C-alpha atoms as a PDB file:
ATOM      1  CA  MET A   1      13.663 -19.520  26.551  1.00  0.00           C
ATOM      2  CA  PHE A   2      10.161 -21.180  26.377  1.00  0.00           C
ATOM      3  CA  GLU A   3       7.985 -23.008  23.933  1.00  0.00           C
ATOM      4  CA  THR A   4       6.194 -21.135  21.252  1.00  0.00           C
ATOM      5  CA  GLN A   5       6.302 -23.514  18.247  1.00  0.00           C
ATOM      6  CA  ASN A   6       3.100 -25.415  19.251  1.00  0.00           C
ATOM      7  CA  LEU A   7       1.036 -22.576  20.583  1.00  0.00           C
ATOM      8  CA  LYS A   8      -1.656 -22.843  17.945  1.00  0.00           C
ATOM      9  CA  GLN A   9      -2.233 -26.520  18.482  1.00  0.00           C
ATOM     10  CA  HIS A  10      -1.722 -26.182  22.245  1.00  0.00           C
ATOM     11  CA  SER A  11      -4.260 -23.372  22.232  1.00  0.00           C
ATOM     12  CA  ILE A  12      -7.050 -25.518  20.938  1.00  0.00           C
ATOM     13  CA  LYS A  13      -6.654 -27.682  23.924  1.00  0.00           C
ATOM     14  CA  VAL A  14      -5.623 -25.132  26.719  1.00  0.00           C
ATOM     15  CA  LEU A  15      -7.403 -21.987  25.691  1.00  0.00           C
ATOM     16  CA  LEU A  16     -10.856 -23.512  25.333  1.00  0.00           C
ATOM     17  CA  LEU A  17     -11.699 -21.158  28.238  1.00  0.00           C
ATOM     18  CA  THR A  18     -14.822 -20.027  29.751  1.00  0.00           C
ATOM     19  CA  ALA A  19     -14.607 -16.582  31.362  1.00  0.00           C
ATOM     20  CA  ALA A  20     -14.864 -18.534  34.742  1.00  0.00           C
ATOM     21  CA  LEU A  21     -11.733 -20.637  34.080  1.00  0.00           C
ATOM     22  CA  LEU A  22      -9.744 -17.505  33.155  1.00  0.00           C
ATOM     23  CA  LEU A  23     -10.845 -15.606  35.996  1.00  0.00           C
ATOM     24  CA  ASN A  24      -9.998 -18.461  38.450  1.00  0.00           C
ATOM     25  CA  SER A  25      -6.532 -18.501  36.955  1.00  0.00           C
ATOM     26  CA  SER A  26      -5.942 -14.764  37.693  1.00  0.00           C
ATOM     27  CA  ALA A  27      -7.287 -15.284  41.252  1.00  0.00           C
ATOM     28  CA  GLU A  28      -4.881 -18.042  41.874  1.00  0.00           C
ATOM     29  CA  ALA A  29      -1.991 -15.621  41.390  1.00  0.00           C
ATOM     30  CA  SER A  30      -3.302 -12.992  43.785  1.00  0.00           C
ATOM     31  CA  THR A  31      -0.292 -13.255  45.897  1.00  0.00           C
ATOM     32  CA  GLU A  32       2.016 -12.504  42.884  1.00  0.00           C
ATOM     33  CA  SER A  33      -0.221 -10.196  40.798  1.00  0.00           C
ATOM     34  CA  VAL A  34      -1.310  -6.850  41.258  1.00  0.00           C
ATOM     35  CA  PRO A  35      -8.063  -6.064  38.235  1.00  0.00           C
ATOM     36  CA  ILE A  36      -8.620  -2.657  39.190  1.00  0.00           C
ATOM     37  CA  VAL A  37     -10.686  -2.267  42.194  1.00  0.00           C
ATOM     38  CA  GLY A  38     -13.070   0.686  42.299  1.00  0.00           C
ATOM     39  CA  GLY A  39     -12.214   1.802  38.786  1.00  0.00           C
ATOM     40  CA  ASN A  40     -13.895   2.499  35.563  1.00  0.00           C
ATOM     41  CA  THR A  41     -13.712   0.790  32.115  1.00  0.00           C
ATOM     42  CA  VAL A  42     -11.118   2.117  29.662  1.00  0.00           C
ATOM     43  CA  SER A  43     -12.118   3.541  26.135  1.00  0.00           C
ATOM     44  CA  ALA A  44     -10.246   1.605  23.282  1.00  0.00           C
ATOM     45  CA  ASN A  45      -9.715   5.052  21.781  1.00  0.00           C
ATOM     46  CA  SER A  46      -8.116   6.759  24.677  1.00  0.00           C
ATOM     47  CA  ALA A  47      -4.431   7.083  25.286  1.00  0.00           C
ATOM     48  CA  ILE A  48      -4.602   4.306  27.924  1.00  0.00           C
ATOM     49  CA  GLY A  49      -6.603   2.076  25.750  1.00  0.00           C
ATOM     50  CA  ARG A  50      -4.129   2.449  22.757  1.00  0.00           C
ATOM     51  CA  ARG A  51      -0.985   1.808  24.730  1.00  0.00           C
ATOM     52  CA  THR A  52      -2.018  -0.893  27.177  1.00  0.00           C
ATOM     53  CA  VAL A  53      -2.331  -4.630  26.379  1.00  0.00           C
ATOM     54  CA  GLY A  54      -3.477  -7.816  28.131  1.00  0.00           C
ATOM     55  CA  LEU A  55      -1.138 -10.700  28.508  1.00  0.00           C
ATOM     56  CA  PHE A  56      -2.132 -14.364  28.850  1.00  0.00           C
ATOM     57  CA  PHE A  57       0.500 -16.770  30.250  1.00  0.00           C
ATOM     58  CA  ILE A  58       0.753 -20.547  30.444  1.00  0.00           C
ATOM     59  CA  GLN A  59       3.394 -21.656  32.942  1.00  0.00           C
ATOM     60  CA  LYS A  60       5.469 -24.853  32.681  1.00  0.00           C
ATOM     61  CA  ASP A  61       3.006 -26.653  35.102  1.00  0.00           C
ATOM     62  CA  ASN A  62       0.266 -25.592  32.692  1.00  0.00           C
ATOM     63  CA  LYS A  63      -1.362 -23.160  35.079  1.00  0.00           C
ATOM     64  CA  GLN A  64      -2.656 -20.024  33.460  1.00  0.00           C
ATOM     65  CA  SER A  65      -2.604 -16.381  34.536  1.00  0.00           C
ATOM     66  CA  LEU A  66      -3.275 -12.844  33.398  1.00  0.00           C
ATOM     67  CA  CYS A  67      -1.105  -9.845  33.545  1.00  0.00           C
ATOM     68  CA  THR A  68      -1.060  -6.352  31.970  1.00  0.00           C
ATOM     69  CA  GLY A  69       1.559  -4.579  29.918  1.00  0.00           C
ATOM     70  CA  SER A  70       2.491  -1.325  28.300  1.00  0.00           C
ATOM     71  CA  ILE A  71       3.577  -1.064  24.554  1.00  0.00           C
ATOM     72  CA  LEU A  72       7.334  -0.160  24.029  1.00  0.00           C
ATOM     73  CA  ASP A  73       7.450  -0.260  20.268  1.00  0.00           C
ATOM     74  CA  SER A  74       6.097  -2.570  17.390  1.00  0.00           C
ATOM     75  CA  SER A  75       7.637  -5.727  18.923  1.00  0.00           C
ATOM     76  CA  HIS A  76       8.119  -5.141  22.664  1.00  0.00           C
ATOM     77  CA  ILE A  77       6.015  -5.116  25.746  1.00  0.00           C
ATOM     78  CA  LEU A  78       6.900  -3.795  29.169  1.00  0.00           C
ATOM     79  CA  THR A  79       5.458  -5.817  32.210  1.00  0.00           C
ATOM     80  CA  ALA A  80       6.375  -7.136  35.549  1.00  0.00           C
ATOM     81  CA  ALA A  81       9.129  -9.738  35.962  1.00  0.00           C
ATOM     82  CA  HIS A  82       7.143 -11.945  38.315  1.00  0.00           C
ATOM     83  CA  CYS A  83       4.594 -12.332  35.407  1.00  0.00           C
ATOM     84  CA  ILE A  84       7.177 -14.327  33.385  1.00  0.00           C
ATOM     85  CA  GLN A  85       8.591 -16.761  36.098  1.00  0.00           C
ATOM     86  CA  ASN A  86       8.415 -20.493  34.865  1.00  0.00           C
ATOM     87  CA  LEU A  87       7.032 -19.343  31.590  1.00  0.00           C
ATOM     88  CA  LYS A  88       6.086 -21.843  28.910  1.00  0.00           C
ATOM     89  CA  GLN A  89       3.893 -19.822  26.364  1.00  0.00           C
ATOM     90  CA  ALA A  90       2.433 -16.425  26.194  1.00  0.00           C
ATOM     91  CA  MET A  91       0.123 -14.166  24.105  1.00  0.00           C
ATOM     92  CA  VAL A  92      -0.267 -10.426  23.802  1.00  0.00           C
ATOM     93  CA  LEU A  93      -3.889  -9.533  23.362  1.00  0.00           C
ATOM     94  CA  PHE A  94      -4.852  -5.972  21.869  1.00  0.00           C
ATOM     95  CA  SER A  95      -8.230  -5.393  23.184  1.00  0.00           C
ATOM     96  CA  PRO A  96     -10.047  -3.930  26.181  1.00  0.00           C
ATOM     97  CA  ASN A  97     -11.602  -7.219  26.558  1.00  0.00           C
ATOM     98  CA  MET A  98      -9.286 -10.103  26.925  1.00  0.00           C
ATOM     99  CA  ILE A  99     -12.068 -12.704  27.406  1.00  0.00           C
ATOM    100  CA  GLN A 100     -13.433 -12.156  23.851  1.00  0.00           C
ATOM    101  CA  VAL A 101      -9.923 -12.376  22.291  1.00  0.00           C
ATOM    102  CA  ILE A 102      -9.135 -15.582  24.070  1.00  0.00           C
ATOM    103  CA  GLN A 103     -12.476 -17.220  23.103  1.00  0.00           C
ATOM    104  CA  ASN A 104     -11.715 -16.211  19.482  1.00  0.00           C
ATOM    105  CA  VAL A 105      -8.293 -17.901  19.739  1.00  0.00           C
ATOM    106  CA  SER A 106      -9.821 -21.073  21.246  1.00  0.00           C
ATOM    107  CA  ALA A 107     -12.423 -21.133  18.481  1.00  0.00           C
ATOM    108  CA  ASN A 108     -10.420 -20.054  15.339  1.00  0.00           C
ATOM    109  CA  GLY A 109      -6.657 -20.428  16.217  1.00  0.00           C
ATOM    110  CA  ILE A 110      -4.220 -17.541  16.882  1.00  0.00           C
ATOM    111  CA  ALA A 111      -3.343 -17.151  13.157  1.00  0.00           C
ATOM    112  CA  LYS A 112      -7.016 -16.064  12.596  1.00  0.00           C
ATOM    113  CA  THR A 113      -7.382 -13.924  15.570  1.00  0.00           C
ATOM    114  CA  PRO A 114      -6.040 -10.405  14.590  1.00  0.00           C
ATOM    115  CA  GLU A 115      -6.022  -9.057  18.166  1.00  0.00           C
ATOM    116  CA  ALA A 116      -3.548 -11.811  19.377  1.00  0.00           C
ATOM    117  CA  ARG A 117       0.225 -12.072  19.027  1.00  0.00           C
ATOM    118  CA  VAL A 118       2.635 -14.866  20.031  1.00  0.00           C
ATOM    119  CA  VAL A 119       5.335 -13.897  22.526  1.00  0.00           C
ATOM    120  CA  THR A 120       8.799 -15.082  21.340  1.00  0.00           C
ATOM    121  CA  ASN A 121      11.177 -14.104  24.125  1.00  0.00           C
ATOM    122  CA  ALA A 122      10.805 -12.675  27.601  1.00  0.00           C
ATOM    123  CA  LYS A 123      13.694 -11.218  29.724  1.00  0.00           C
ATOM    124  CA  GLU A 124      13.545  -9.973  33.327  1.00  0.00           C
ATOM    125  CA  GLN A 125      15.346  -6.921  34.630  1.00  0.00           C
ATOM    126  CA  PRO A 126      18.844  -7.745  35.929  1.00  0.00           C
ATOM    127  CA  GLY A 127      18.667  -7.641  39.716  1.00  0.00           C
ATOM    128  CA  TYR A 128      15.028  -8.962  39.901  1.00  0.00           C
ATOM    129  CA  ASN A 129      14.585 -10.267  43.443  1.00  0.00           C
ATOM    130  CA  GLY A 130      11.035 -11.543  43.752  1.00  0.00           C
ATOM    131  CA  GLN A 131      11.754 -13.565  46.807  1.00  0.00           C
ATOM    132  CA  ALA A 132      12.749 -10.515  48.908  1.00  0.00           C
ATOM    133  CA  GLY A 133       9.260 -10.107  50.386  1.00  0.00           C
ATOM    134  CA  GLY A 134       7.635  -7.209  52.136  1.00  0.00           C
ATOM    135  CA  ASP A 135       8.656  -3.701  51.154  1.00  0.00           C
ATOM    136  CA  SER A 136      11.968  -4.888  49.670  1.00  0.00           C
ATOM    137  CA  GLU A 137      12.969  -3.387  46.283  1.00  0.00           C
ATOM    138  CA  PHE A 138      12.031  -6.232  43.775  1.00  0.00           C
ATOM    139  CA  ASN A 139      13.377  -4.661  40.404  1.00  0.00           C
ATOM    140  CA  ASP A 140      10.245  -6.119  39.135  1.00  0.00           C
ATOM    141  CA  LEU A 141      10.411  -5.246  35.398  1.00  0.00           C
ATOM    142  CA  ALA A 142      10.340  -7.565  32.256  1.00  0.00           C
ATOM    143  CA  ILE A 143      10.340  -6.959  28.525  1.00  0.00           C
ATOM    144  CA  LEU A 144       8.557  -9.281  26.131  1.00  0.00           C
ATOM    145  CA  THR A 145       9.225  -9.711  22.525  1.00  0.00           C
ATOM    146  CA  PHE A 146       6.293 -10.545  20.282  1.00  0.00           C
ATOM    147  CA  SER A 147       5.870 -11.264  16.457  1.00  0.00           C
ATOM    148  CA  GLY A 148       3.344  -9.772  14.060  1.00  0.00           C
ATOM    149  CA  GLY A 149       3.530  -5.997  14.826  1.00  0.00           C
ATOM    150  CA  LEU A 150       0.999  -3.753  16.531  1.00  0.00           C
ATOM    151  CA  VAL A 151      -2.621  -4.034  15.908  1.00  0.00           C
ATOM    152  CA  ALA A 152      -4.060  -1.020  14.095  1.00  0.00           C
ATOM    153  CA  GLY A 153      -4.848   1.880  16.498  1.00  0.00           C
ATOM    154  CA  TYR A 154      -2.360   0.927  18.983  1.00  0.00           C
ATOM    155  CA  GLU A 155       0.877   2.872  19.738  1.00  0.00           C
ATOM    156  CA  ALA A 156       3.866   3.005  22.106  1.00  0.00           C
ATOM    157  CA  ALA A 157       3.503   4.326  25.523  1.00  0.00           C
ATOM    158  CA  HIS A 158       5.519   7.456  26.489  1.00  0.00           C
ATOM    159  CA  PHE A 159       8.042   7.670  29.212  1.00  0.00           C
ATOM    160  CA  LEU A 160       9.790  10.575  31.064  1.00  0.00           C
ATOM    161  CA  SER A 161      13.453  10.890  31.792  1.00  0.00           C
ATOM    162  CA  LYS A 162      14.386  10.067  35.442  1.00  0.00           C
ATOM    163  CA  ALA A 163      14.780  13.722  36.480  1.00  0.00           C
ATOM    164  CA  ASP A 164      11.414  14.823  34.965  1.00  0.00           C
ATOM    165  CA  ALA A 165       9.546  11.872  36.514  1.00  0.00           C
ATOM    166  CA  LEU A 166      10.902  12.569  40.008  1.00  0.00           C
ATOM    167  CA  ASN A 167      10.001  16.219  39.570  1.00  0.00           C
ATOM    168  CA  VAL A 168       6.434  15.310  38.555  1.00  0.00           C
ATOM    169  CA  LEU A 169       6.082  12.867  41.431  1.00  0.00           C
ATOM    170  CA  ALA A 170       7.477  15.535  43.896  1.00  0.00           C
ATOM    171  CA  SER A 171       4.554  17.852  42.752  1.00  0.00           C
ATOM    172  CA  HIS A 172       2.083  15.189  43.846  1.00  0.00           C
ATOM    173  CA  THR A 173       0.481  15.063  40.305  1.00  0.00           C
ATOM    174  CA  PRO A 174      -2.424  12.621  40.344  1.00  0.00           C
ATOM    175  CA  VAL A 175      -1.661   9.083  39.327  1.00  0.00           C
ATOM    176  CA  VAL A 176      -3.731   6.753  37.192  1.00  0.00           C
ATOM    177  CA  LEU A 177      -3.472   2.957  37.411  1.00  0.00           C
ATOM    178  CA  ALA A 178      -4.737   0.727  34.599  1.00  0.00           C
ATOM    179  CA  GLY A 179      -5.086  -3.050  34.243  1.00  0.00           C
ATOM    180  CA  TYR A 180      -7.179  -6.175  33.387  1.00  0.00           C
ATOM    181  CA  GLY A 181      -7.544  -7.373  37.157  1.00  0.00           C
ATOM    182  CA  VAL A 182     -10.345  -8.222  39.413  1.00  0.00           C
ATOM    183  CA  THR A 183     -12.684  -5.676  40.752  1.00  0.00           C
ATOM    184  CA  THR A 184     -13.463  -7.542  44.075  1.00  0.00           C
ATOM    185  CA  PRO A 185     -10.915  -6.957  46.741  1.00  0.00           C
ATOM    186  CA  PRO A 186      -9.895  -9.991  48.842  1.00  0.00           C
ATOM    187  CA  SER A 187     -11.588  -8.731  51.985  1.00  0.00           C
ATOM    188  CA  VAL A 188     -15.036  -9.351  50.331  1.00  0.00           C
ATOM    189  CA  ALA A 189     -14.060 -11.986  47.847  1.00  0.00           C
ATOM    190  CA  ALA A 190     -14.903 -15.006  50.317  1.00  0.00           C
ATOM    191  CA  THR A 191     -18.573 -13.862  50.536  1.00  0.00           C
ATOM    192  CA  ALA A 192     -19.010 -12.400  46.989  1.00  0.00           C
ATOM    193  CA  ALA A 193     -21.194 -14.174  44.496  1.00  0.00           C
ATOM    194  CA  ASP A 194     -18.548 -13.605  41.819  1.00  0.00           C
ATOM    195  CA  PRO A 195     -15.117 -13.129  43.690  1.00  0.00           C
ATOM    196  CA  ASN A 196     -13.360 -12.728  40.247  1.00  0.00           C
ATOM    197  CA  LYS A 197     -15.771 -10.288  38.708  1.00  0.00           C
ATOM    198  CA  GLY A 198     -14.123  -7.926  36.118  1.00  0.00           C
ATOM    199  CA  SER A 199     -10.977  -9.800  35.516  1.00  0.00           C
ATOM    200  CA  GLY A 200     -10.103  -9.550  31.801  1.00  0.00           C
ATOM    201  CA  THR A 201     -11.561  -6.132  31.235  1.00  0.00           C
ATOM    202  CA  LEU A 202      -9.253  -3.020  31.060  1.00  0.00           C
ATOM    203  CA  ARG A 203     -10.063  -0.555  33.840  1.00  0.00           C
ATOM    204  CA  GLN A 204      -8.398   2.570  35.371  1.00  0.00           C
ATOM    205  CA  VAL A 205      -8.558   4.155  38.710  1.00  0.00           C
ATOM    206  CA  ALA A 206      -7.303   7.479  40.085  1.00  0.00           C
ATOM    207  CA  VAL A 207      -4.790   7.273  43.170  1.00  0.00           C
ATOM    208  CA  SER A 208      -2.135   9.532  44.604  1.00  0.00           C
ATOM    209  CA  PHE A 209       1.795   9.267  44.780  1.00  0.00           C
ATOM    210  CA  ASP A 210       2.703   8.391  48.374  1.00  0.00           C
ATOM    211  CA  SER A 211       6.437   7.805  48.597  1.00  0.00           C
ATOM    212  CA  MET A 212       9.516   6.494  46.922  1.00  0.00           C
ATOM    213  CA  SER A 213      11.638   3.563  48.127  1.00  0.00           C
ATOM    214  CA  PRO A 214      15.106   4.219  49.494  1.00  0.00           C
ATOM    215  CA  HIS A 215      17.011   3.424  46.302  1.00  0.00           C
ATOM    216  CA  GLN A 216      14.293   4.990  43.965  1.00  0.00           C
ATOM    217  CA  ILE A 217      13.332   1.524  42.693  1.00  0.00           C
ATOM    218  CA  ASP A 218       9.782   1.464  43.625  1.00  0.00           C
ATOM    219  CA  ILE A 219       7.002   3.979  44.078  1.00  0.00           C
ATOM    220  CA  PHE A 220       4.216   3.776  46.551  1.00  0.00           C
ATOM    221  CA  VAL A 221       0.709   4.909  45.471  1.00  0.00           C
ATOM    222  CA  ALA A 222      -2.381   5.095  47.655  1.00  0.00           C
ATOM    223  CA  GLY A 223      -6.065   5.924  47.111  1.00  0.00           C
ATOM    224  CA  PRO A 224      -9.328   5.978  49.045  1.00  0.00           C
ATOM    225  CA  GLU A 225     -10.187   2.505  50.484  1.00  0.00           C
ATOM    226  CA  GLY A 226     -11.570   0.257  47.794  1.00  0.00           C
ATOM    227  CA  HIS A 227      -9.632   1.982  44.935  1.00  0.00           C
ATOM    228  CA  ASP A 228      -6.521  -0.016  44.062  1.00  0.00           C
ATOM    229  CA  ALA A 229      -4.706  -2.452  41.706  1.00  0.00           C
ATOM    230  CA  CYS A 230      -5.282  -6.164  42.310  1.00  0.00           C
ATOM    231  CA  SER A 231      -4.765  -9.532  40.765  1.00  0.00           C
ATOM    232  CA  GLY A 232      -4.423  -9.468  37.072  1.00  0.00           C
ATOM    233  CA  ASP A 233      -3.110  -5.841  37.088  1.00  0.00           C
ATOM    234  CA  SER A 234       0.498  -6.866  37.467  1.00  0.00           C
ATOM    235  CA  GLY A 235       2.747  -5.385  34.959  1.00  0.00           C
ATOM    236  CA  GLY A 236       0.188  -2.624  34.228  1.00  0.00           C
ATOM    237  CA  PRO A 237       1.001   1.035  34.190  1.00  0.00           C
ATOM    238  CA  ALA A 238       0.796   3.852  36.743  1.00  0.00           C
ATOM    239  CA  MET A 239       0.519   7.054  34.683  1.00  0.00           C
ATOM    240  CA  VAL A 240       0.736  10.884  35.107  1.00  0.00           C
ATOM    241  CA  GLN A 241      -0.310  13.653  32.900  1.00  0.00           C
ATOM    242  CA  VAL A 242       2.189  16.381  31.910  1.00  0.00           C
ATOM    243  CA  ASN A 243       0.947  19.235  29.693  1.00  0.00           C
ATOM    244  CA  GLY A 244      -1.953  17.122  28.435  1.00  0.00           C
ATOM    245  CA  GLU A 245       0.136  14.006  27.516  1.00  0.00           C
ATOM    246  CA  THR A 246       0.093  10.744  29.424  1.00  0.00           C
ATOM    247  CA  PHE A 247       3.337   9.219  30.540  1.00  0.00           C
ATOM    248  CA  VAL A 248       4.058   5.894  32.208  1.00  0.00           C
ATOM    249  CA  ILE A 249       6.084   6.196  35.429  1.00  0.00           C
ATOM    250  CA  GLY A 250       5.461   2.754  37.095  1.00  0.00           C
ATOM    251  CA  VAL A 251       4.774  -0.914  36.640  1.00  0.00           C
ATOM    252  CA  ALA A 252       2.507  -2.794  39.038  1.00  0.00           C
ATOM    253  CA  SER A 253       4.431  -4.997  41.275  1.00  0.00           C
ATOM    254  CA  ARG A 254       2.240  -5.819  44.354  1.00  0.00           C
ATOM    255  CA  SER A 255      -0.621  -4.623  46.154  1.00  0.00           C
ATOM    256  CA  ASP A 256      -2.999  -4.984  49.176  1.00  0.00           C
ATOM    257  CA  CYS A 257      -5.959  -4.613  46.707  1.00  0.00           C
ATOM    258  CA  MET A 258      -7.593  -2.131  49.058  1.00  0.00           C
ATOM    259  CA  ALA A 259      -5.670   1.199  48.964  1.00  0.00           C
ATOM    260  CA  THR A 260      -1.905   0.728  48.647  1.00  0.00           C
ATOM    261  CA  SER A 261       0.083  -0.524  45.722  1.00  0.00           C
ATOM    262  CA  ILE A 262       3.861  -0.786  45.071  1.00  0.00           C
ATOM    263  CA  TYR A 263       4.928  -0.041  41.339  1.00  0.00           C
ATOM    264  CA  THR A 264       8.457  -0.349  40.077  1.00  0.00           C
ATOM    265  CA  PHE A 265       9.566   3.150  38.979  1.00  0.00           C
ATOM    266  CA  VAL A 266      10.146   3.391  35.215  1.00  0.00           C
ATOM    267  CA  HIS A 267      11.867   6.124  33.237  1.00  0.00           C
ATOM    268  CA  SER A 268      13.805   6.329  29.956  1.00  0.00           C
ATOM    269  CA  LYS A 269      17.171   5.421  31.559  1.00  0.00           C
ATOM    270  CA  ASN A 270      16.214   2.023  33.228  1.00  0.00           C
ATOM    271  CA  LEU A 271      14.040   1.112  30.118  1.00  0.00           C
ATOM    272  CA  GLY A 272      17.100   1.772  27.949  1.00  0.00           C
ATOM    273  CA  LEU A 273      19.235  -0.532  30.210  1.00  0.00           C
ATOM    274  CA  ALA A 274      16.539  -3.254  30.241  1.00  0.00           C
ATOM    275  CA  LYS A 275      16.187  -3.217  26.289  1.00  0.00           C
ATOM    276  CA  ARG A 276      20.026  -3.564  25.857  1.00  0.00           C
ATOM    277  CA  GLU A 277      19.886  -6.662  28.260  1.00  0.00           C
ATOM    278  CA  LEU A 278      17.222  -8.059  26.058  1.00  0.00           C
ATOM    279  CA  GLU A 279      19.177  -7.558  22.906  1.00  0.00           C
ATOM    280  CA  MET A 280      22.100  -9.339  24.445  1.00  0.00           C
ATOM    281  CA  ALA A 281      19.934 -12.275  25.509  1.00  0.00           C
ATOM    282  CA  ALA A 282      19.738 -15.449  23.427  1.00  0.00           C
ATOM    283  CA  PHE A 283      16.392 -16.064  21.681  1.00  0.00           C
END
């Protein structure tokens, strides 16, 4: 599906990144990506920190971008389909600080960077429609396959059945968003000293469930102004707590970076369908 065999050699040339280059690449994808604006850093030992990863992509035109993902198991990551379009190479980064890991890869190679894994396959959800625009239902889900297993301390995210997830949302349980995106919303980025500040660091922010799309494909979440997902958070989780346990109920698709975001609704049923599609795809 995309090149992986030359990642180490290519990394020395392409991943000699300063933080500024990495941040610029994530800002470039702002119309496609959904850091967390108005949030707080995530502890590596928390449930969110143990189940959420950073994703670094190189497209076929050699542009670079960031996304966020949730761990499905020891070889699969859940993210947004729009993150994998025109994909050439990709890495999974197991750290709350993506910048540090990428710098280690550029200095030492991926084989000597224990927090990095090579992506070997990527498959978008059947029915993905990223060109629909507006509030249309995108089916914006993808699953990545990676080699090398989980880094110690990391674990699979938890998911609810569709019925349980709908019941939780109907009760207006608070929702937490997490991602590696920017902390400066577009409305102030033009005049900010560092418009891409925060990109590459895992953060979380509390918002509320607002509504569901007509076919129960997307969920809309909203928070106070200045509390939202943004560029680099795409593919990251929207989570709820049930009886003290954290469950992923959405994957970041698109956002205004100020107060409202659209997340693809996820539950055990549609994840099962997506994984079966991946198993049938040619590597």
